[in-house]
Amino acid sequence: MSRGSFGRSVARAAASGGSRSYRARRPVAWYAAMVVIVVAGIGLVVYSRNELLHPAVVGPTATDNWQVAFAVDICGTVQGDLPANSNLTSVGIRTFGNGLIDVDPGVVTTNPAAYEGANATLGKFASSYPGFTLTSTSIHLPVKGARTWKNGDACTAAAGPLHGAGTLQVETWSSPRATGNLFVGDPTKVHLDNGEMITVAFLPKGASIPEPASRTALLQALGTAVPSSSSATKSTLPASSTAPTSSTKTSSKTVPSTKTSSKTAPSTKTSSATGKTSSSTKKG
């Protein structure tokens, strides 16, 4: 192809590149996409900054006092409630021997933050109880003669009615009336929440895990924990107000009786008047 013919081909291609109306059309869709991207970016920046300045508070705090039902099942035998902590005043997660975990970070004066928020875990409770060892794969109860149960250990007849290789499992109930859920992961990482129920079990896989027997105690604790101050006030107010009410009624009843006695006076006058009448009659 000669240079002349090649030049003419280029010229024809350039001439057929599009009409003036096509070249004048604006890319509206592109601009709209850019606006959406910019607005979304600004929104994410504002949200991130707000989360940074105002982080979500994870309980419990030093002002909270939470209750959690707790039980341990070894090879199908539910163990007795742990006795009260021997170090009650020095730990913020403890038990009073009633089958409940008492989460009260504020009781510790030196470092309550060690028991607050994400630190309030099942593992923290175990480490705060002398002689109680709980790991991701084993459990050792603070009971005389107790053994350490590790994943793979066989449940014996002496330990409980269930036989076979056992594994450490944890089932949780978000409330006394909720359905249980098998916790997946390290048992020590289970976060303690108010009104929750937890059963730590060393059982063969597939065995059912019972809910804590302290469920009733938890319901009672929840019924008194929230309105404790108000219920105390309510129980005090009627007692003090009852006395004034009864005394007021007594005094109000006394007034009519006084009036009755005052009404007796006219009857006396009547009798005296009658006496006068009779005497005057006699005179006549």
C-alpha atoms as a PDB file:
ATOM      1  CA  MET A   1       0.000   0.000   0.000  1.00  0.00           C
ATOM      2  CA  SER A   2       1.374   3.418  -0.980  1.00  0.00           C
ATOM      3  CA  ARG A   3       1.693   6.251   1.460  1.00  0.00           C
ATOM      4  CA  GLY A   4      -1.063   8.137  -0.303  1.00  0.00           C
ATOM      5  CA  SER A   5      -3.602   5.356  -0.004  1.00  0.00           C
ATOM      6  CA  PHE A   6      -2.621   4.764   3.664  1.00  0.00           C
ATOM      7  CA  GLY A   7      -3.145   8.429   4.453  1.00  0.00           C
ATOM      8  CA  ARG A   8      -6.543   8.383   2.789  1.00  0.00           C
ATOM      9  CA  SER A   9      -7.516   5.312   4.871  1.00  0.00           C
ATOM     10  CA  VAL A  10      -6.537   7.078   8.073  1.00  0.00           C
ATOM     11  CA  ALA A  11      -8.490  10.149   7.087  1.00  0.00           C
ATOM     12  CA  ARG A  12     -11.610   8.105   6.321  1.00  0.00           C
ATOM     13  CA  ALA A  13     -11.319   6.321   9.699  1.00  0.00           C
ATOM     14  CA  ALA A  14     -10.969   9.616  11.525  1.00  0.00           C
ATOM     15  CA  ALA A  15     -13.938  11.049   9.689  1.00  0.00           C
ATOM     16  CA  SER A  16     -16.137   8.091  10.639  1.00  0.00           C
ATOM     17  CA  GLY A  17     -15.126   8.211  14.355  1.00  0.00           C
ATOM     18  CA  GLY A  18     -18.489   9.537  15.506  1.00  0.00           C
ATOM     19  CA  SER A  19     -20.883  12.346  15.018  1.00  0.00           C
ATOM     20  CA  ARG A  20     -20.737  15.668  16.824  1.00  0.00           C
ATOM     21  CA  SER A  21     -23.795  14.705  18.919  1.00  0.00           C
ATOM     22  CA  TYR A  22     -22.047  11.580  20.172  1.00  0.00           C
ATOM     23  CA  ARG A  23     -18.916  13.476  21.114  1.00  0.00           C
ATOM     24  CA  ALA A  24     -21.008  16.077  22.972  1.00  0.00           C
ATOM     25  CA  ARG A  25     -22.866  13.464  25.134  1.00  0.00           C
ATOM     26  CA  ARG A  26     -21.838  13.589  28.851  1.00  0.00           C
ATOM     27  CA  PRO A  27     -20.987  10.385  30.801  1.00  0.00           C
ATOM     28  CA  VAL A  28     -23.766  10.801  33.378  1.00  0.00           C
ATOM     29  CA  ALA A  29     -23.483   7.206  34.665  1.00  0.00           C
ATOM     30  CA  TRP A  30     -19.783   7.665  35.380  1.00  0.00           C
ATOM     31  CA  TYR A  31     -20.363  10.880  37.333  1.00  0.00           C
ATOM     32  CA  ALA A  32     -23.173   9.232  39.305  1.00  0.00           C
ATOM     33  CA  ALA A  33     -20.923   6.314  40.220  1.00  0.00           C
ATOM     34  CA  MET A  34     -18.233   8.714  41.422  1.00  0.00           C
ATOM     35  CA  VAL A  35     -20.742  10.575  43.598  1.00  0.00           C
ATOM     36  CA  VAL A  36     -21.938   7.329  45.182  1.00  0.00           C
ATOM     37  CA  ILE A  37     -18.373   6.247  45.924  1.00  0.00           C
ATOM     38  CA  VAL A  38     -17.479   9.595  47.495  1.00  0.00           C
ATOM     39  CA  VAL A  39     -20.621   9.710  49.661  1.00  0.00           C
ATOM     40  CA  ALA A  40     -20.083   6.117  50.832  1.00  0.00           C
ATOM     41  CA  GLY A  41     -16.468   6.877  51.670  1.00  0.00           C
ATOM     42  CA  ILE A  42     -17.404   9.934  53.725  1.00  0.00           C
ATOM     43  CA  GLY A  43     -20.062   7.919  55.556  1.00  0.00           C
ATOM     44  CA  LEU A  44     -17.574   5.195  56.462  1.00  0.00           C
ATOM     45  CA  VAL A  45     -15.071   7.759  57.738  1.00  0.00           C
ATOM     46  CA  VAL A  46     -17.715   9.426  59.939  1.00  0.00           C
ATOM     47  CA  TYR A  47     -18.907   6.049  61.289  1.00  0.00           C
ATOM     48  CA  SER A  48     -15.365   4.891  62.048  1.00  0.00           C
ATOM     49  CA  ARG A  49     -14.541   8.112  63.858  1.00  0.00           C
ATOM     50  CA  ASN A  50     -17.732   7.891  65.911  1.00  0.00           C
ATOM     51  CA  GLU A  51     -16.932   4.293  66.903  1.00  0.00           C
ATOM     52  CA  LEU A  52     -13.437   5.365  67.872  1.00  0.00           C
ATOM     53  CA  LEU A  53     -14.607   8.272  70.015  1.00  0.00           C
ATOM     54  CA  HIS A  54     -17.594   6.417  71.490  1.00  0.00           C
ATOM     55  CA  PRO A  55     -16.695   2.722  71.799  1.00  0.00           C
ATOM     56  CA  ALA A  56     -19.431   0.305  72.790  1.00  0.00           C
ATOM     57  CA  VAL A  57     -19.372  -0.523  76.491  1.00  0.00           C
ATOM     58  CA  VAL A  58     -19.131  -4.246  77.179  1.00  0.00           C
ATOM     59  CA  GLY A  59     -20.360  -5.233  80.599  1.00  0.00           C
ATOM     60  CA  PRO A  60     -19.970  -5.840  83.367  1.00  0.00           C
ATOM     61  CA  THR A  61     -18.705  -2.609  84.853  1.00  0.00           C
ATOM     62  CA  ALA A  62     -17.666  -1.831  88.416  1.00  0.00           C
ATOM     63  CA  THR A  63     -21.249  -0.801  89.204  1.00  0.00           C
ATOM     64  CA  ASP A  64     -22.808  -4.072  87.989  1.00  0.00           C
ATOM     65  CA  ASN A  65     -23.647  -7.136  90.035  1.00  0.00           C
ATOM     66  CA  TRP A  66     -24.538 -10.053  87.770  1.00  0.00           C
ATOM     67  CA  GLN A  67     -25.655 -13.592  88.539  1.00  0.00           C
ATOM     68  CA  VAL A  68     -24.882 -16.698  86.466  1.00  0.00           C
ATOM     69  CA  ALA A  69     -26.089 -20.254  87.168  1.00  0.00           C
ATOM     70  CA  PHE A  70     -23.220 -22.745  87.035  1.00  0.00           C
ATOM     71  CA  ALA A  71     -22.845 -26.525  87.127  1.00  0.00           C
ATOM     72  CA  VAL A  72     -20.285 -29.227  86.330  1.00  0.00           C
ATOM     73  CA  ASP A  73     -21.125 -32.667  84.935  1.00  0.00           C
ATOM     74  CA  ILE A  74     -18.475 -35.399  84.954  1.00  0.00           C
ATOM     75  CA  CYS A  75     -19.343 -38.550  82.979  1.00  0.00           C
ATOM     76  CA  GLY A  76     -23.060 -38.098  83.614  1.00  0.00           C
ATOM     77  CA  THR A  77     -22.796 -37.237  87.308  1.00  0.00           C
ATOM     78  CA  VAL A  78     -23.650 -33.632  88.177  1.00  0.00           C
ATOM     79  CA  GLN A  79     -21.176 -32.437  90.765  1.00  0.00           C
ATOM     80  CA  GLY A  80     -22.173 -30.593  93.902  1.00  0.00           C
ATOM     81  CA  ASP A  81     -22.082 -26.796  94.070  1.00  0.00           C
ATOM     82  CA  LEU A  82     -18.660 -25.346  94.650  1.00  0.00           C
ATOM     83  CA  PRO A  83     -18.246 -24.049  98.205  1.00  0.00           C
ATOM     84  CA  ALA A  84     -17.966 -20.316  98.703  1.00  0.00           C
ATOM     85  CA  ASN A  85     -14.678 -18.769  97.649  1.00  0.00           C
ATOM     86  CA  SER A  86     -12.099 -18.595 100.393  1.00  0.00           C
ATOM     87  CA  ASN A  87     -10.987 -15.279  98.862  1.00  0.00           C
ATOM     88  CA  LEU A  88     -14.416 -13.622  98.531  1.00  0.00           C
ATOM     89  CA  THR A  89     -13.279 -10.071  99.223  1.00  0.00           C
ATOM     90  CA  SER A  90     -10.272 -10.105  96.900  1.00  0.00           C
ATOM     91  CA  VAL A  91     -11.847 -11.308  93.631  1.00  0.00           C
ATOM     92  CA  GLY A  92     -14.588  -9.771  91.517  1.00  0.00           C
ATOM     93  CA  ILE A  93     -15.939 -13.060  90.130  1.00  0.00           C
ATOM     94  CA  ARG A  94     -16.774 -15.579  92.850  1.00  0.00           C
ATOM     95  CA  THR A  95     -19.422 -17.881  94.277  1.00  0.00           C
ATOM     96  CA  PHE A  96     -21.163 -17.974  97.629  1.00  0.00           C
ATOM     97  CA  GLY A  97     -21.726 -21.728  97.413  1.00  0.00           C
ATOM     98  CA  ASN A  98     -25.277 -21.444  96.081  1.00  0.00           C
ATOM     99  CA  GLY A  99     -24.612 -22.691  92.555  1.00  0.00           C
ATOM    100  CA  LEU A 100     -24.365 -19.148  91.200  1.00  0.00           C
ATOM    101  CA  ILE A 101     -21.397 -17.200  89.911  1.00  0.00           C
ATOM    102  CA  ASP A 102     -21.470 -13.738  91.428  1.00  0.00           C
ATOM    103  CA  VAL A 103     -19.981 -11.204  89.010  1.00  0.00           C
ATOM    104  CA  ASP A 104     -19.242  -8.077  91.019  1.00  0.00           C
ATOM    105  CA  PRO A 105     -16.115  -6.233  89.805  1.00  0.00           C
ATOM    106  CA  GLY A 106     -16.753  -3.318  92.155  1.00  0.00           C
ATOM    107  CA  VAL A 107     -16.056  -5.444  95.212  1.00  0.00           C
ATOM    108  CA  VAL A 108     -12.358  -5.305  94.344  1.00  0.00           C
ATOM    109  CA  THR A 109     -10.787  -2.005  95.317  1.00  0.00           C
ATOM    110  CA  THR A 110      -7.327  -2.492  93.841  1.00  0.00           C
ATOM    111  CA  ASN A 111      -8.050  -3.400  90.216  1.00  0.00           C
ATOM    112  CA  PRO A 112     -11.740  -3.868  89.354  1.00  0.00           C
ATOM    113  CA  ALA A 113     -10.946  -3.536  85.638  1.00  0.00           C
ATOM    114  CA  ALA A 114      -9.446  -7.027  85.779  1.00  0.00           C
ATOM    115  CA  TYR A 115     -13.001  -8.382  86.109  1.00  0.00           C
ATOM    116  CA  GLU A 116     -14.825  -5.919  83.852  1.00  0.00           C
ATOM    117  CA  GLY A 117     -15.945  -6.150  80.243  1.00  0.00           C
ATOM    118  CA  ALA A 118     -14.243  -8.794  78.144  1.00  0.00           C
ATOM    119  CA  ASN A 119     -12.295  -9.981  81.201  1.00  0.00           C
ATOM    120  CA  ALA A 120     -15.451 -11.410  82.786  1.00  0.00           C
ATOM    121  CA  THR A 121     -15.049 -14.955  81.498  1.00  0.00           C
ATOM    122  CA  LEU A 122     -15.480 -18.505  82.725  1.00  0.00           C
ATOM    123  CA  GLY A 123     -11.734 -18.844  82.730  1.00  0.00           C
ATOM    124  CA  LYS A 124     -11.426 -15.809  84.998  1.00  0.00           C
ATOM    125  CA  PHE A 125     -13.865 -17.376  87.430  1.00  0.00           C
ATOM    126  CA  ALA A 126     -11.863 -20.621  87.464  1.00  0.00           C
ATOM    127  CA  SER A 127      -8.551 -18.846  87.960  1.00  0.00           C
ATOM    128  CA  SER A 128     -10.067 -16.770  90.772  1.00  0.00           C
ATOM    129  CA  TYR A 129     -11.161 -19.907  92.627  1.00  0.00           C
ATOM    130  CA  PRO A 130      -8.307 -21.600  94.516  1.00  0.00           C
ATOM    131  CA  GLY A 131      -7.696 -25.136  93.267  1.00  0.00           C
ATOM    132  CA  PHE A 132     -10.017 -24.887  90.263  1.00  0.00           C
ATOM    133  CA  THR A 133      -8.256 -25.468  86.950  1.00  0.00           C
ATOM    134  CA  LEU A 134      -9.984 -25.051  83.599  1.00  0.00           C
ATOM    135  CA  THR A 135      -8.227 -25.112  80.240  1.00  0.00           C
ATOM    136  CA  SER A 136      -9.351 -25.540  76.666  1.00  0.00           C
ATOM    137  CA  THR A 137      -9.045 -29.338  76.971  1.00  0.00           C
ATOM    138  CA  SER A 138      -9.135 -30.226  80.682  1.00  0.00           C
ATOM    139  CA  ILE A 139     -10.835 -29.602  84.007  1.00  0.00           C
ATOM    140  CA  HIS A 140      -9.785 -30.172  87.622  1.00  0.00           C
ATOM    141  CA  LEU A 141     -12.284 -29.440  90.370  1.00  0.00           C
ATOM    142  CA  PRO A 142     -11.162 -28.050  93.736  1.00  0.00           C
ATOM    143  CA  VAL A 143     -12.345 -31.158  95.565  1.00  0.00           C
ATOM    144  CA  LYS A 144     -10.227 -33.440  97.708  1.00  0.00           C
ATOM    145  CA  GLY A 145      -9.211 -36.512  95.726  1.00  0.00           C
ATOM    146  CA  ALA A 146     -10.436 -35.071  92.428  1.00  0.00           C
ATOM    147  CA  ARG A 147      -8.540 -35.941  89.265  1.00  0.00           C
ATOM    148  CA  THR A 148      -7.789 -33.940  86.172  1.00  0.00           C
ATOM    149  CA  TRP A 149      -9.998 -34.914  83.241  1.00  0.00           C
ATOM    150  CA  LYS A 150      -8.435 -34.400  79.824  1.00  0.00           C
ATOM    151  CA  ASN A 151      -9.900 -34.821  76.359  1.00  0.00           C
ATOM    152  CA  GLY A 152      -9.756 -38.501  75.420  1.00  0.00           C
ATOM    153  CA  ASP A 153      -9.856 -39.842  78.974  1.00  0.00           C
ATOM    154  CA  ALA A 154     -12.340 -42.691  79.374  1.00  0.00           C
ATOM    155  CA  CYS A 155     -15.346 -42.199  81.630  1.00  0.00           C
ATOM    156  CA  THR A 156     -15.339 -45.035  84.166  1.00  0.00           C
ATOM    157  CA  ALA A 157     -18.180 -46.599  86.115  1.00  0.00           C
ATOM    158  CA  ALA A 158     -16.840 -44.986  89.256  1.00  0.00           C
ATOM    159  CA  ALA A 159     -17.045 -41.538  87.671  1.00  0.00           C
ATOM    160  CA  GLY A 160     -20.560 -41.777  86.286  1.00  0.00           C
ATOM    161  CA  PRO A 161     -23.130 -43.737  84.302  1.00  0.00           C
ATOM    162  CA  LEU A 162     -21.788 -42.671  80.894  1.00  0.00           C
ATOM    163  CA  HIS A 163     -18.907 -44.609  79.385  1.00  0.00           C
ATOM    164  CA  GLY A 164     -16.522 -43.898  76.574  1.00  0.00           C
ATOM    165  CA  ALA A 165     -13.910 -41.307  75.694  1.00  0.00           C
ATOM    166  CA  GLY A 166     -14.921 -37.940  77.077  1.00  0.00           C
ATOM    167  CA  THR A 167     -14.325 -34.415  75.865  1.00  0.00           C
ATOM    168  CA  LEU A 168     -14.622 -31.106  77.626  1.00  0.00           C
ATOM    169  CA  GLN A 169     -17.786 -29.332  76.511  1.00  0.00           C
ATOM    170  CA  VAL A 170     -19.743 -26.261  77.555  1.00  0.00           C
ATOM    171  CA  GLU A 171     -23.416 -25.565  77.027  1.00  0.00           C
ATOM    172  CA  THR A 172     -24.839 -22.121  77.663  1.00  0.00           C
ATOM    173  CA  TRP A 173     -28.342 -20.728  78.064  1.00  0.00           C
ATOM    174  CA  SER A 174     -28.733 -16.977  77.581  1.00  0.00           C
ATOM    175  CA  SER A 175     -31.508 -16.960  80.201  1.00  0.00           C
ATOM    176  CA  PRO A 176     -33.303 -19.464  82.463  1.00  0.00           C
ATOM    177  CA  ARG A 177     -36.043 -19.800  79.841  1.00  0.00           C
ATOM    178  CA  ALA A 178     -33.828 -19.953  76.754  1.00  0.00           C
ATOM    179  CA  THR A 179     -32.744 -22.962  74.703  1.00  0.00           C
ATOM    180  CA  GLY A 180     -29.251 -24.277  75.341  1.00  0.00           C
ATOM    181  CA  ASN A 181     -26.463 -23.906  72.803  1.00  0.00           C
ATOM    182  CA  LEU A 182     -23.245 -25.896  72.672  1.00  0.00           C
ATOM    183  CA  PHE A 183     -20.327 -23.491  72.874  1.00  0.00           C
ATOM    184  CA  VAL A 184     -17.745 -23.934  70.148  1.00  0.00           C
ATOM    185  CA  GLY A 185     -14.210 -22.977  71.082  1.00  0.00           C
ATOM    186  CA  ASP A 186     -12.120 -22.562  74.208  1.00  0.00           C
ATOM    187  CA  PRO A 187     -14.371 -22.943  77.298  1.00  0.00           C
ATOM    188  CA  THR A 188     -12.283 -20.432  79.207  1.00  0.00           C
ATOM    189  CA  LYS A 189     -13.369 -17.754  76.713  1.00  0.00           C
ATOM    190  CA  VAL A 190     -17.077 -18.030  77.538  1.00  0.00           C
ATOM    191  CA  HIS A 191     -18.216 -14.528  78.513  1.00  0.00           C
ATOM    192  CA  LEU A 192     -20.324 -14.279  81.643  1.00  0.00           C
ATOM    193  CA  ASP A 193     -23.613 -12.437  81.123  1.00  0.00           C
ATOM    194  CA  ASN A 194     -26.302 -11.558  83.615  1.00  0.00           C
ATOM    195  CA  GLY A 195     -29.004 -14.229  83.848  1.00  0.00           C
ATOM    196  CA  GLU A 196     -26.965 -16.747  81.863  1.00  0.00           C
ATOM    197  CA  MET A 197     -26.718 -20.451  82.697  1.00  0.00           C
ATOM    198  CA  ILE A 198     -23.560 -22.492  82.056  1.00  0.00           C
ATOM    199  CA  THR A 199     -22.821 -26.195  82.410  1.00  0.00           C
ATOM    200  CA  VAL A 200     -19.258 -27.409  81.996  1.00  0.00           C
ATOM    201  CA  ALA A 201     -19.327 -31.100  81.124  1.00  0.00           C
ATOM    202  CA  PHE A 202     -16.805 -33.828  80.544  1.00  0.00           C
ATOM    203  CA  LEU A 203     -18.866 -36.321  78.553  1.00  0.00           C
ATOM    204  CA  PRO A 204     -18.674 -38.569  75.528  1.00  0.00           C
ATOM    205  CA  LYS A 205     -19.570 -36.710  72.358  1.00  0.00           C
ATOM    206  CA  GLY A 206     -23.279 -36.575  71.666  1.00  0.00           C
ATOM    207  CA  ALA A 207     -24.331 -36.962  75.295  1.00  0.00           C
ATOM    208  CA  SER A 208     -26.970 -34.505  76.487  1.00  0.00           C
ATOM    209  CA  ILE A 209     -25.792 -31.784  78.848  1.00  0.00           C
ATOM    210  CA  PRO A 210     -28.176 -30.883  81.679  1.00  0.00           C
ATOM    211  CA  GLU A 211     -28.965 -27.331  82.714  1.00  0.00           C
ATOM    212  CA  PRO A 212     -27.728 -26.185  86.121  1.00  0.00           C
ATOM    213  CA  ALA A 213     -29.827 -27.227  89.105  1.00  0.00           C
ATOM    214  CA  SER A 214     -29.348 -23.692  90.407  1.00  0.00           C
ATOM    215  CA  ARG A 215     -31.802 -22.415  87.780  1.00  0.00           C
ATOM    216  CA  THR A 216     -34.382 -21.777  90.503  1.00  0.00           C
ATOM    217  CA  ALA A 217     -31.841 -19.868  92.577  1.00  0.00           C
ATOM    218  CA  LEU A 218     -31.003 -17.796  89.505  1.00  0.00           C
ATOM    219  CA  LEU A 219     -34.652 -16.949  88.899  1.00  0.00           C
ATOM    220  CA  GLN A 220     -34.965 -15.845  92.505  1.00  0.00           C
ATOM    221  CA  ALA A 221     -31.773 -13.794  92.248  1.00  0.00           C
ATOM    222  CA  LEU A 222     -32.949 -12.112  89.061  1.00  0.00           C
ATOM    223  CA  GLY A 223     -36.281 -11.354  90.691  1.00  0.00           C
ATOM    224  CA  THR A 224     -34.621  -9.529  93.559  1.00  0.00           C
ATOM    225  CA  ALA A 225     -31.464  -8.206  91.942  1.00  0.00           C
ATOM    226  CA  VAL A 226     -33.061  -5.678  89.574  1.00  0.00           C
ATOM    227  CA  PRO A 227     -35.694  -4.180  91.919  1.00  0.00           C
ATOM    228  CA  SER A 228     -33.697  -4.825  95.076  1.00  0.00           C
ATOM    229  CA  SER A 229     -33.478  -1.180  96.115  1.00  0.00           C
ATOM    230  CA  SER A 230     -37.014  -0.409  95.004  1.00  0.00           C
ATOM    231  CA  SER A 231     -38.406  -3.541  96.625  1.00  0.00           C
ATOM    232  CA  ALA A 232     -36.728  -2.624  99.878  1.00  0.00           C
ATOM    233  CA  THR A 233     -38.267   0.796  99.616  1.00  0.00           C
ATOM    234  CA  LYS A 234     -41.648  -0.670  98.819  1.00  0.00           C
ATOM    235  CA  SER A 235     -41.490  -3.035 101.743  1.00  0.00           C
ATOM    236  CA  THR A 236     -40.519  -0.176 104.014  1.00  0.00           C
ATOM    237  CA  LEU A 237     -43.082   2.350 102.849  1.00  0.00           C
ATOM    238  CA  PRO A 238     -46.206   0.261 103.437  1.00  0.00           C
ATOM    239  CA  ALA A 239     -44.936  -0.688 106.888  1.00  0.00           C
ATOM    240  CA  SER A 240     -44.467   2.925 107.903  1.00  0.00           C
ATOM    241  CA  SER A 241     -47.596   4.096 106.149  1.00  0.00           C
ATOM    242  CA  THR A 242     -49.713   1.362 107.680  1.00  0.00           C
ATOM    243  CA  ALA A 243     -49.286   2.741 111.157  1.00  0.00           C
ATOM    244  CA  PRO A 244     -50.479   6.264 110.291  1.00  0.00           C
ATOM    245  CA  THR A 245     -53.416   4.816 108.364  1.00  0.00           C
ATOM    246  CA  SER A 246     -54.584   2.663 111.219  1.00  0.00           C
ATOM    247  CA  SER A 247     -54.052   5.432 113.760  1.00  0.00           C
ATOM    248  CA  THR A 248     -55.915   7.848 111.556  1.00  0.00           C
ATOM    249  CA  LYS A 249     -58.783   5.440 111.206  1.00  0.00           C
ATOM    250  CA  THR A 250     -58.783   4.891 114.935  1.00  0.00           C
ATOM    251  CA  SER A 251     -58.910   8.588 115.626  1.00  0.00           C
ATOM    252  CA  SER A 252     -61.631   9.060 113.039  1.00  0.00           C
ATOM    253  CA  LYS A 253     -63.619   6.327 114.671  1.00  0.00           C
ATOM    254  CA  THR A 254     -63.099   7.965 118.041  1.00  0.00           C
ATOM    255  CA  VAL A 255     -64.649  11.183 116.844  1.00  0.00           C
ATOM    256  CA  PRO A 256     -68.039   9.616 116.002  1.00  0.00           C
ATOM    257  CA  SER A 257     -67.992   7.855 119.370  1.00  0.00           C
ATOM    258  CA  THR A 258     -67.440  11.230 121.000  1.00  0.00           C
ATOM    259  CA  LYS A 259     -70.291  12.638 119.035  1.00  0.00           C
ATOM    260  CA  THR A 260     -72.429   9.759 120.185  1.00  0.00           C
ATOM    261  CA  SER A 261     -71.627  10.560 123.768  1.00  0.00           C
ATOM    262  CA  SER A 262     -72.430  14.189 123.070  1.00  0.00           C
ATOM    263  CA  LYS A 263     -75.723  13.074 121.646  1.00  0.00           C
ATOM    264  CA  THR A 264     -76.354  11.337 124.955  1.00  0.00           C
ATOM    265  CA  ALA A 265     -76.447  14.697 126.665  1.00  0.00           C
ATOM    266  CA  PRO A 266     -79.633  15.807 124.913  1.00  0.00           C
ATOM    267  CA  SER A 267     -81.243  12.575 126.007  1.00  0.00           C
ATOM    268  CA  THR A 268     -80.275  13.492 129.544  1.00  0.00           C
ATOM    269  CA  LYS A 269     -81.768  16.907 129.081  1.00  0.00           C
ATOM    270  CA  THR A 270     -84.878  15.283 127.772  1.00  0.00           C
ATOM    271  CA  SER A 271     -85.096  13.118 130.799  1.00  0.00           C
ATOM    272  CA  SER A 272     -84.535  16.105 133.041  1.00  0.00           C
ATOM    273  CA  ALA A 273     -87.118  17.980 131.104  1.00  0.00           C
ATOM    274  CA  THR A 274     -89.381  15.037 131.514  1.00  0.00           C
ATOM    275  CA  GLY A 275     -88.651  15.109 135.149  1.00  0.00           C
ATOM    276  CA  LYS A 276     -89.605  18.745 135.256  1.00  0.00           C
ATOM    277  CA  THR A 277     -92.770  18.002 133.397  1.00  0.00           C
ATOM    278  CA  SER A 278     -93.692  15.218 135.706  1.00  0.00           C
ATOM    279  CA  SER A 279     -92.944  17.351 138.717  1.00  0.00           C
ATOM    280  CA  SER A 280     -95.025  20.170 137.350  1.00  0.00           C
ATOM    281  CA  THR A 281     -97.779  17.705 136.750  1.00  0.00           C
ATOM    282  CA  LYS A 282     -97.580  16.594 140.311  1.00  0.00           C
ATOM    283  CA  LYS A 283     -97.767  20.219 141.410  1.00  0.00           C
ATOM    284  CA  GLY A 284    -100.842  20.677 139.331  1.00  0.00           C
END
